Amino acid sequence: MLVINPEECIDCNLCVPECPVDAIYSEDDLPEDQHLFLALNERLSQQWPVLNTVKPPPKDAGDWENVRDKLEHLQE
């Protein structure tokens, strides 16, 4: 999981096509069942380091693509 700092985001939408699981939405287009992620994203973006280089996805990324309810597995 990656997070985007809402204070630093310039709404350029370049990250949207890069997301392999279509998990990035503009706030206006955010599905109702995803609204809980707004606060989580903001909080985690203050704690987690900023990525400023392209990195390969984790080796187990494919294992998580179709897992529902991933939030219960999040370890902050």
PDB file of N, CA and C in Angstrom:
ATOM      1  N   MET A   1       0.848  -1.180   0.000  1.00  0.00           N
ATOM      2  CA  MET A   1       0.000   0.000   0.000  1.00  0.00           C
ATOM      3  C   MET A   1       0.884   1.231   0.000  1.00  0.00           C
ATOM      4  N   LEU A   2       0.508   2.178  -0.819  1.00  0.00           N
ATOM      5  CA  LEU A   2       1.161   3.478  -0.840  1.00  0.00           C
ATOM      6  C   LEU A   2       0.127   4.525  -0.470  1.00  0.00           C
ATOM      7  N   VAL A   3       0.600   5.642   0.047  1.00  0.00           N
ATOM      8  CA  VAL A   3      -0.291   6.749   0.377  1.00  0.00           C
ATOM      9  C   VAL A   3       0.235   8.007  -0.301  1.00  0.00           C
ATOM     10  N   ILE A   4      -0.647   8.961  -0.484  1.00  0.00           N
ATOM     11  CA  ILE A   4      -0.299  10.219  -1.131  1.00  0.00           C
ATOM     12  C   ILE A   4      -0.606  11.350  -0.168  1.00  0.00           C
ATOM     13  N   ASN A   5       0.394  12.175   0.098  1.00  0.00           N
ATOM     14  CA  ASN A   5       0.197  13.300   0.998  1.00  0.00           C
ATOM     15  C   ASN A   5      -0.729  14.309   0.325  1.00  0.00           C
ATOM     16  N   PRO A   6      -1.917  14.537   0.878  1.00  0.00           N
ATOM     17  CA  PRO A   6      -2.868  15.449   0.237  1.00  0.00           C
ATOM     18  C   PRO A   6      -2.395  16.897   0.205  1.00  0.00           C
ATOM     19  N   GLU A   7      -1.466  17.259   1.092  1.00  0.00           N
ATOM     20  CA  GLU A   7      -0.943  18.629   1.101  1.00  0.00           C
ATOM     21  C   GLU A   7       0.105  18.835   0.013  1.00  0.00           C
ATOM     22  N   GLU A   8       0.749  17.749  -0.412  1.00  0.00           N
ATOM     23  CA  GLU A   8       1.788  17.849  -1.428  1.00  0.00           C
ATOM     24  C   GLU A   8       1.292  17.488  -2.827  1.00  0.00           C
ATOM     25  N   CYS A   9       0.179  16.809  -2.911  1.00  0.00           N
ATOM     26  CA  CYS A   9      -0.369  16.395  -4.202  1.00  0.00           C
ATOM     27  C   CYS A   9      -0.806  17.625  -4.990  1.00  0.00           C
ATOM     28  N   ILE A  10      -0.428  17.678  -6.254  1.00  0.00           N
ATOM     29  CA  ILE A  10      -0.821  18.810  -7.099  1.00  0.00           C
ATOM     30  C   ILE A  10      -1.935  18.424  -8.068  1.00  0.00           C
ATOM     31  N   ASP A  11      -2.567  17.291  -7.830  1.00  0.00           N
ATOM     32  CA  ASP A  11      -3.696  16.829  -8.649  1.00  0.00           C
ATOM     33  C   ASP A  11      -3.370  16.752 -10.137  1.00  0.00           C
ATOM     34  N   CYS A  12      -2.184  16.246 -10.440  1.00  0.00           N
ATOM     35  CA  CYS A  12      -1.789  16.125 -11.844  1.00  0.00           C
ATOM     36  C   CYS A  12      -2.304  14.835 -12.475  1.00  0.00           C
ATOM     37  N   ASN A  13      -2.747  13.900 -11.638  1.00  0.00           N
ATOM     38  CA  ASN A  13      -3.295  12.612 -12.078  1.00  0.00           C
ATOM     39  C   ASN A  13      -2.278  11.682 -12.732  1.00  0.00           C
ATOM     40  N   LEU A  14      -0.997  11.969 -12.649  1.00  0.00           N
ATOM     41  CA  LEU A  14       0.009  11.079 -13.229  1.00  0.00           C
ATOM     42  C   LEU A  14       0.088   9.747 -12.494  1.00  0.00           C
ATOM     43  N   CYS A  15      -0.288   9.723 -11.245  1.00  0.00           N
ATOM     44  CA  CYS A  15      -0.225   8.481 -10.468  1.00  0.00           C
ATOM     45  C   CYS A  15      -1.364   7.519 -10.816  1.00  0.00           C
ATOM     46  N   VAL A  16      -2.469   8.037 -11.312  1.00  0.00           N
ATOM     47  CA  VAL A  16      -3.650   7.201 -11.570  1.00  0.00           C
ATOM     48  C   VAL A  16      -3.347   6.054 -12.529  1.00  0.00           C
ATOM     49  N   PRO A  17      -2.782   6.305 -13.717  1.00  0.00           N
ATOM     50  CA  PRO A  17      -2.514   5.182 -14.619  1.00  0.00           C
ATOM     51  C   PRO A  17      -1.374   4.280 -14.144  1.00  0.00           C
ATOM     52  N   GLU A  18      -0.562   4.762 -13.214  1.00  0.00           N
ATOM     53  CA  GLU A  18       0.547   3.959 -12.705  1.00  0.00           C
ATOM     54  C   GLU A  18       0.106   2.948 -11.649  1.00  0.00           C
ATOM     55  N   CYS A  19      -1.046   3.151 -11.068  1.00  0.00           N
ATOM     56  CA  CYS A  19      -1.536   2.260 -10.015  1.00  0.00           C
ATOM     57  C   CYS A  19      -1.998   0.949 -10.650  1.00  0.00           C
ATOM     58  N   PRO A  20      -1.355  -0.180 -10.306  1.00  0.00           N
ATOM     59  CA  PRO A  20      -1.685  -1.438 -10.966  1.00  0.00           C
ATOM     60  C   PRO A  20      -3.040  -2.026 -10.571  1.00  0.00           C
ATOM     61  N   VAL A  21      -3.646  -1.513  -9.520  1.00  0.00           N
ATOM     62  CA  VAL A  21      -4.926  -2.083  -9.076  1.00  0.00           C
ATOM     63  C   VAL A  21      -6.050  -1.048  -9.072  1.00  0.00           C
ATOM     64  N   ASP A  22      -5.874   0.043  -9.801  1.00  0.00           N
ATOM     65  CA  ASP A  22      -6.909   1.076  -9.929  1.00  0.00           C
ATOM     66  C   ASP A  22      -7.443   1.543  -8.577  1.00  0.00           C
ATOM     67  N   ALA A  23      -6.540   1.859  -7.663  1.00  0.00           N
ATOM     68  CA  ALA A  23      -6.939   2.243  -6.310  1.00  0.00           C
ATOM     69  C   ALA A  23      -6.831   3.743  -6.053  1.00  0.00           C
ATOM     70  N   ILE A  24      -6.487   4.514  -7.067  1.00  0.00           N
ATOM     71  CA  ILE A  24      -6.331   5.957  -6.869  1.00  0.00           C
ATOM     72  C   ILE A  24      -7.501   6.680  -7.528  1.00  0.00           C
ATOM     73  N   TYR A  25      -8.163   7.516  -6.736  1.00  0.00           N
ATOM     74  CA  TYR A  25      -9.304   8.298  -7.209  1.00  0.00           C
ATOM     75  C   TYR A  25      -9.118   9.745  -6.790  1.00  0.00           C
ATOM     76  N   SER A  26      -9.683  10.654  -7.558  1.00  0.00           N
ATOM     77  CA  SER A  26      -9.766  12.020  -7.058  1.00  0.00           C
ATOM     78  C   SER A  26     -10.822  12.004  -5.951  1.00  0.00           C
ATOM     79  N   GLU A  27     -10.732  12.932  -5.046  1.00  0.00           N
ATOM     80  CA  GLU A  27     -11.682  12.951  -3.926  1.00  0.00           C
ATOM     81  C   GLU A  27     -13.130  13.061  -4.411  1.00  0.00           C
ATOM     82  N   ASP A  28     -13.337  13.790  -5.498  1.00  0.00           N
ATOM     83  CA  ASP A  28     -14.692  13.948  -6.044  1.00  0.00           C
ATOM     84  C   ASP A  28     -15.260  12.646  -6.615  1.00  0.00           C
ATOM     85  N   ASP A  29     -14.382  11.748  -7.051  1.00  0.00           N
ATOM     86  CA  ASP A  29     -14.811  10.488  -7.663  1.00  0.00           C
ATOM     87  C   ASP A  29     -14.688   9.290  -6.735  1.00  0.00           C
ATOM     88  N   LEU A  30     -14.330   9.532  -5.496  1.00  0.00           N
ATOM     89  CA  LEU A  30     -14.104   8.443  -4.550  1.00  0.00           C
ATOM     90  C   LEU A  30     -15.406   7.699  -4.259  1.00  0.00           C
ATOM     91  N   PRO A  31     -15.420   6.372  -4.476  1.00  0.00           N
ATOM     92  CA  PRO A  31     -16.631   5.607  -4.169  1.00  0.00           C
ATOM     93  C   PRO A  31     -16.999   5.724  -2.683  1.00  0.00           C
ATOM     94  N   GLU A  32     -18.271   5.696  -2.409  1.00  0.00           N
ATOM     95  CA  GLU A  32     -18.772   5.876  -1.031  1.00  0.00           C
ATOM     96  C   GLU A  32     -18.109   4.913  -0.056  1.00  0.00           C
ATOM     97  N   ASP A  33     -17.916   3.669  -0.478  1.00  0.00           N
ATOM     98  CA  ASP A  33     -17.353   2.675   0.441  1.00  0.00           C
ATOM     99  C   ASP A  33     -15.849   2.844   0.663  1.00  0.00           C
ATOM    100  N   GLN A  34     -15.245   3.842   0.025  1.00  0.00           N
ATOM    101  CA  GLN A  34     -13.805   4.094   0.172  1.00  0.00           C
ATOM    102  C   GLN A  34     -13.506   5.369   0.972  1.00  0.00           C
ATOM    103  N   HIS A  35     -14.529   6.058   1.426  1.00  0.00           N
ATOM    104  CA  HIS A  35     -14.323   7.331   2.136  1.00  0.00           C
ATOM    105  C   HIS A  35     -13.503   7.178   3.416  1.00  0.00           C
ATOM    106  N   LEU A  36     -13.536   6.023   4.032  1.00  0.00           N
ATOM    107  CA  LEU A  36     -12.754   5.829   5.260  1.00  0.00           C
ATOM    108  C   LEU A  36     -11.266   5.937   4.989  1.00  0.00           C
ATOM    109  N   PHE A  37     -10.857   5.762   3.726  1.00  0.00           N
ATOM    110  CA  PHE A  37      -9.440   5.833   3.394  1.00  0.00           C
ATOM    111  C   PHE A  37      -8.909   7.263   3.328  1.00  0.00           C
ATOM    112  N   LEU A  38      -9.778   8.254   3.256  1.00  0.00           N
ATOM    113  CA  LEU A  38      -9.308   9.646   3.231  1.00  0.00           C
ATOM    114  C   LEU A  38      -8.502   9.978   4.483  1.00  0.00           C
ATOM    115  N   ALA A  39      -9.066   9.709   5.629  1.00  0.00           N
ATOM    116  CA  ALA A  39      -8.369  10.012   6.890  1.00  0.00           C
ATOM    117  C   ALA A  39      -7.157   9.105   7.075  1.00  0.00           C
ATOM    118  N   LEU A  40      -7.293   7.832   6.720  1.00  0.00           N
ATOM    119  CA  LEU A  40      -6.172   6.895   6.845  1.00  0.00           C
ATOM    120  C   LEU A  40      -5.014   7.334   5.952  1.00  0.00           C
ATOM    121  N   ASN A  41      -5.306   7.687   4.716  1.00  0.00           N
ATOM    122  CA  ASN A  41      -4.280   8.154   3.795  1.00  0.00           C
ATOM    123  C   ASN A  41      -3.572   9.395   4.346  1.00  0.00           C
ATOM    124  N   GLU A  42      -4.349  10.338   4.846  1.00  0.00           N
ATOM    125  CA  GLU A  42      -3.736  11.568   5.374  1.00  0.00           C
ATOM    126  C   GLU A  42      -2.840  11.273   6.565  1.00  0.00           C
ATOM    127  N   ARG A  43      -3.318  10.428   7.474  1.00  0.00           N
ATOM    128  CA  ARG A  43      -2.532  10.089   8.664  1.00  0.00           C
ATOM    129  C   ARG A  43      -1.246   9.349   8.286  1.00  0.00           C
ATOM    130  N   LEU A  44      -1.369   8.330   7.438  1.00  0.00           N
ATOM    131  CA  LEU A  44      -0.189   7.546   7.083  1.00  0.00           C
ATOM    132  C   LEU A  44       0.804   8.348   6.254  1.00  0.00           C
ATOM    133  N   SER A  45       0.323   9.293   5.456  1.00  0.00           N
ATOM    134  CA  SER A  45       1.241  10.102   4.649  1.00  0.00           C
ATOM    135  C   SER A  45       2.123  10.989   5.524  1.00  0.00           C
ATOM    136  N   GLN A  46       1.692  11.242   6.749  1.00  0.00           N
ATOM    137  CA  GLN A  46       2.510  12.008   7.690  1.00  0.00           C
ATOM    138  C   GLN A  46       3.551  11.125   8.384  1.00  0.00           C
ATOM    139  N   GLN A  47       3.303   9.826   8.424  1.00  0.00           N
ATOM    140  CA  GLN A  47       4.186   8.886   9.130  1.00  0.00           C
ATOM    141  C   GLN A  47       5.165   8.168   8.200  1.00  0.00           C
ATOM    142  N   TRP A  48       4.707   7.807   7.021  1.00  0.00           N
ATOM    143  CA  TRP A  48       5.516   6.988   6.124  1.00  0.00           C
ATOM    144  C   TRP A  48       6.444   7.870   5.297  1.00  0.00           C
ATOM    145  N   PRO A  49       7.596   7.328   4.890  1.00  0.00           N
ATOM    146  CA  PRO A  49       8.543   8.139   4.110  1.00  0.00           C
ATOM    147  C   PRO A  49       8.004   8.462   2.715  1.00  0.00           C
ATOM    148  N   VAL A  50       8.458   9.565   2.187  1.00  0.00           N
ATOM    149  CA  VAL A  50       8.110   9.964   0.827  1.00  0.00           C
ATOM    150  C   VAL A  50       8.969   9.158  -0.138  1.00  0.00           C
ATOM    151  N   LEU A  51       8.338   8.591  -1.147  1.00  0.00           N
ATOM    152  CA  LEU A  51       9.087   7.886  -2.189  1.00  0.00           C
ATOM    153  C   LEU A  51       9.430   8.879  -3.281  1.00  0.00           C
ATOM    154  N   ASN A  52      10.694   8.971  -3.608  1.00  0.00           N
ATOM    155  CA  ASN A  52      11.091   9.915  -4.654  1.00  0.00           C
ATOM    156  C   ASN A  52      11.874   9.231  -5.776  1.00  0.00           C
ATOM    157  N   THR A  53      11.861   7.903  -5.761  1.00  0.00           N
ATOM    158  CA  THR A  53      12.448   7.125  -6.845  1.00  0.00           C
ATOM    159  C   THR A  53      11.498   5.981  -7.178  1.00  0.00           C
ATOM    160  N   VAL A  54      11.567   5.532  -8.413  1.00  0.00           N
ATOM    161  CA  VAL A  54      10.747   4.399  -8.830  1.00  0.00           C
ATOM    162  C   VAL A  54      11.352   3.132  -8.251  1.00  0.00           C
ATOM    163  N   LYS A  55      10.512   2.351  -7.624  1.00  0.00           N
ATOM    164  CA  LYS A  55      10.946   1.088  -7.042  1.00  0.00           C
ATOM    165  C   LYS A  55      10.093  -0.030  -7.615  1.00  0.00           C
ATOM    166  N   PRO A  56      10.653  -1.227  -7.714  1.00  0.00           N
ATOM    167  CA  PRO A  56       9.820  -2.340  -8.183  1.00  0.00           C
ATOM    168  C   PRO A  56       8.784  -2.691  -7.122  1.00  0.00           C
ATOM    169  N   PRO A  57       7.647  -3.253  -7.540  1.00  0.00           N
ATOM    170  CA  PRO A  57       6.641  -3.650  -6.549  1.00  0.00           C
ATOM    171  C   PRO A  57       7.179  -4.768  -5.668  1.00  0.00           C
ATOM    172  N   PRO A  58       6.630  -4.914  -4.469  1.00  0.00           N
ATOM    173  CA  PRO A  58       7.058  -6.017  -3.604  1.00  0.00           C
ATOM    174  C   PRO A  58       6.806  -7.356  -4.302  1.00  0.00           C
ATOM    175  N   LYS A  59       7.598  -8.345  -3.947  1.00  0.00           N
ATOM    176  CA  LYS A  59       7.483  -9.666  -4.575  1.00  0.00           C
ATOM    177  C   LYS A  59       6.091 -10.273  -4.416  1.00  0.00           C
ATOM    178  N   ASP A  60       5.401  -9.942  -3.329  1.00  0.00           N
ATOM    179  CA  ASP A  60       4.079 -10.529  -3.093  1.00  0.00           C
ATOM    180  C   ASP A  60       2.928  -9.633  -3.570  1.00  0.00           C
ATOM    181  N   ALA A  61       3.227  -8.599  -4.342  1.00  0.00           N
ATOM    182  CA  ALA A  61       2.185  -7.660  -4.775  1.00  0.00           C
ATOM    183  C   ALA A  61       1.060  -8.370  -5.525  1.00  0.00           C
ATOM    184  N   GLY A  62       1.398  -9.291  -6.388  1.00  0.00           N
ATOM    185  CA  GLY A  62       0.384 -10.019  -7.152  1.00  0.00           C
ATOM    186  C   GLY A  62      -0.536 -10.839  -6.267  1.00  0.00           C
ATOM    187  N   ASP A  63      -0.008 -11.308  -5.142  1.00  0.00           N
ATOM    188  CA  ASP A  63      -0.820 -12.099  -4.205  1.00  0.00           C
ATOM    189  C   ASP A  63      -1.952 -11.274  -3.602  1.00  0.00           C
ATOM    190  N   TRP A  64      -1.769  -9.961  -3.553  1.00  0.00           N
ATOM    191  CA  TRP A  64      -2.736  -9.073  -2.894  1.00  0.00           C
ATOM    192  C   TRP A  64      -3.727  -8.435  -3.852  1.00  0.00           C
ATOM    193  N   GLU A  65      -3.529  -8.567  -5.145  1.00  0.00           N
ATOM    194  CA  GLU A  65      -4.369  -7.870  -6.119  1.00  0.00           C
ATOM    195  C   GLU A  65      -5.858  -8.125  -5.943  1.00  0.00           C
ATOM    196  N   ASN A  66      -6.254  -9.341  -5.693  1.00  0.00           N
ATOM    197  CA  ASN A  66      -7.674  -9.672  -5.618  1.00  0.00           C
ATOM    198  C   ASN A  66      -8.166  -9.945  -4.200  1.00  0.00           C
ATOM    199  N   VAL A  67      -7.356  -9.616  -3.212  1.00  0.00           N
ATOM    200  CA  VAL A  67      -7.768  -9.813  -1.824  1.00  0.00           C
ATOM    201  C   VAL A  67      -8.734  -8.700  -1.438  1.00  0.00           C
ATOM    202  N   ARG A  68      -9.888  -9.059  -0.934  1.00  0.00           N
ATOM    203  CA  ARG A  68     -10.869  -8.084  -0.474  1.00  0.00           C
ATOM    204  C   ARG A  68     -10.584  -7.782   1.000  1.00  0.00           C
ATOM    205  N   ASP A  69     -11.031  -6.652   1.470  1.00  0.00           N
ATOM    206  CA  ASP A  69     -10.894  -6.272   2.881  1.00  0.00           C
ATOM    207  C   ASP A  69      -9.447  -6.315   3.364  1.00  0.00           C
ATOM    208  N   LYS A  70      -8.565  -5.728   2.612  1.00  0.00           N
ATOM    209  CA  LYS A  70      -7.138  -5.712   2.955  1.00  0.00           C
ATOM    210  C   LYS A  70      -6.864  -4.902   4.215  1.00  0.00           C
ATOM    211  N   LEU A  71      -7.748  -4.001   4.538  1.00  0.00           N
ATOM    212  CA  LEU A  71      -7.521  -3.117   5.672  1.00  0.00           C
ATOM    213  C   LEU A  71      -7.261  -3.877   6.965  1.00  0.00           C
ATOM    214  N   GLU A  72      -7.892  -5.008   7.125  1.00  0.00           N
ATOM    215  CA  GLU A  72      -7.680  -5.788   8.352  1.00  0.00           C
ATOM    216  C   GLU A  72      -6.255  -6.335   8.441  1.00  0.00           C
ATOM    217  N   HIS A  73      -5.506  -6.316   7.345  1.00  0.00           N
ATOM    218  CA  HIS A  73      -4.127  -6.813   7.331  1.00  0.00           C
ATOM    219  C   HIS A  73      -3.101  -5.692   7.491  1.00  0.00           C
ATOM    220  N   LEU A  74      -3.550  -4.451   7.508  1.00  0.00           N
ATOM    221  CA  LEU A  74      -2.632  -3.315   7.579  1.00  0.00           C
ATOM    222  C   LEU A  74      -1.976  -3.250   8.947  1.00  0.00           C
ATOM    223  N   GLN A  75      -0.662  -3.165   8.922  1.00  0.00           N
ATOM    224  CA  GLN A  75       0.117  -2.990  10.148  1.00  0.00           C
ATOM    225  C   GLN A  75       0.809  -1.645  10.045  1.00  0.00           C
ATOM    226  N   GLU A  76       0.426  -0.720  10.891  1.00  0.00           N
ATOM    227  CA  GLU A  76       0.990   0.633  10.805  1.00  0.00           C
ATOM    228  C   GLU A  76       2.329   0.705  11.438  1.00  0.00           C
TER     229      GLU A  76
END
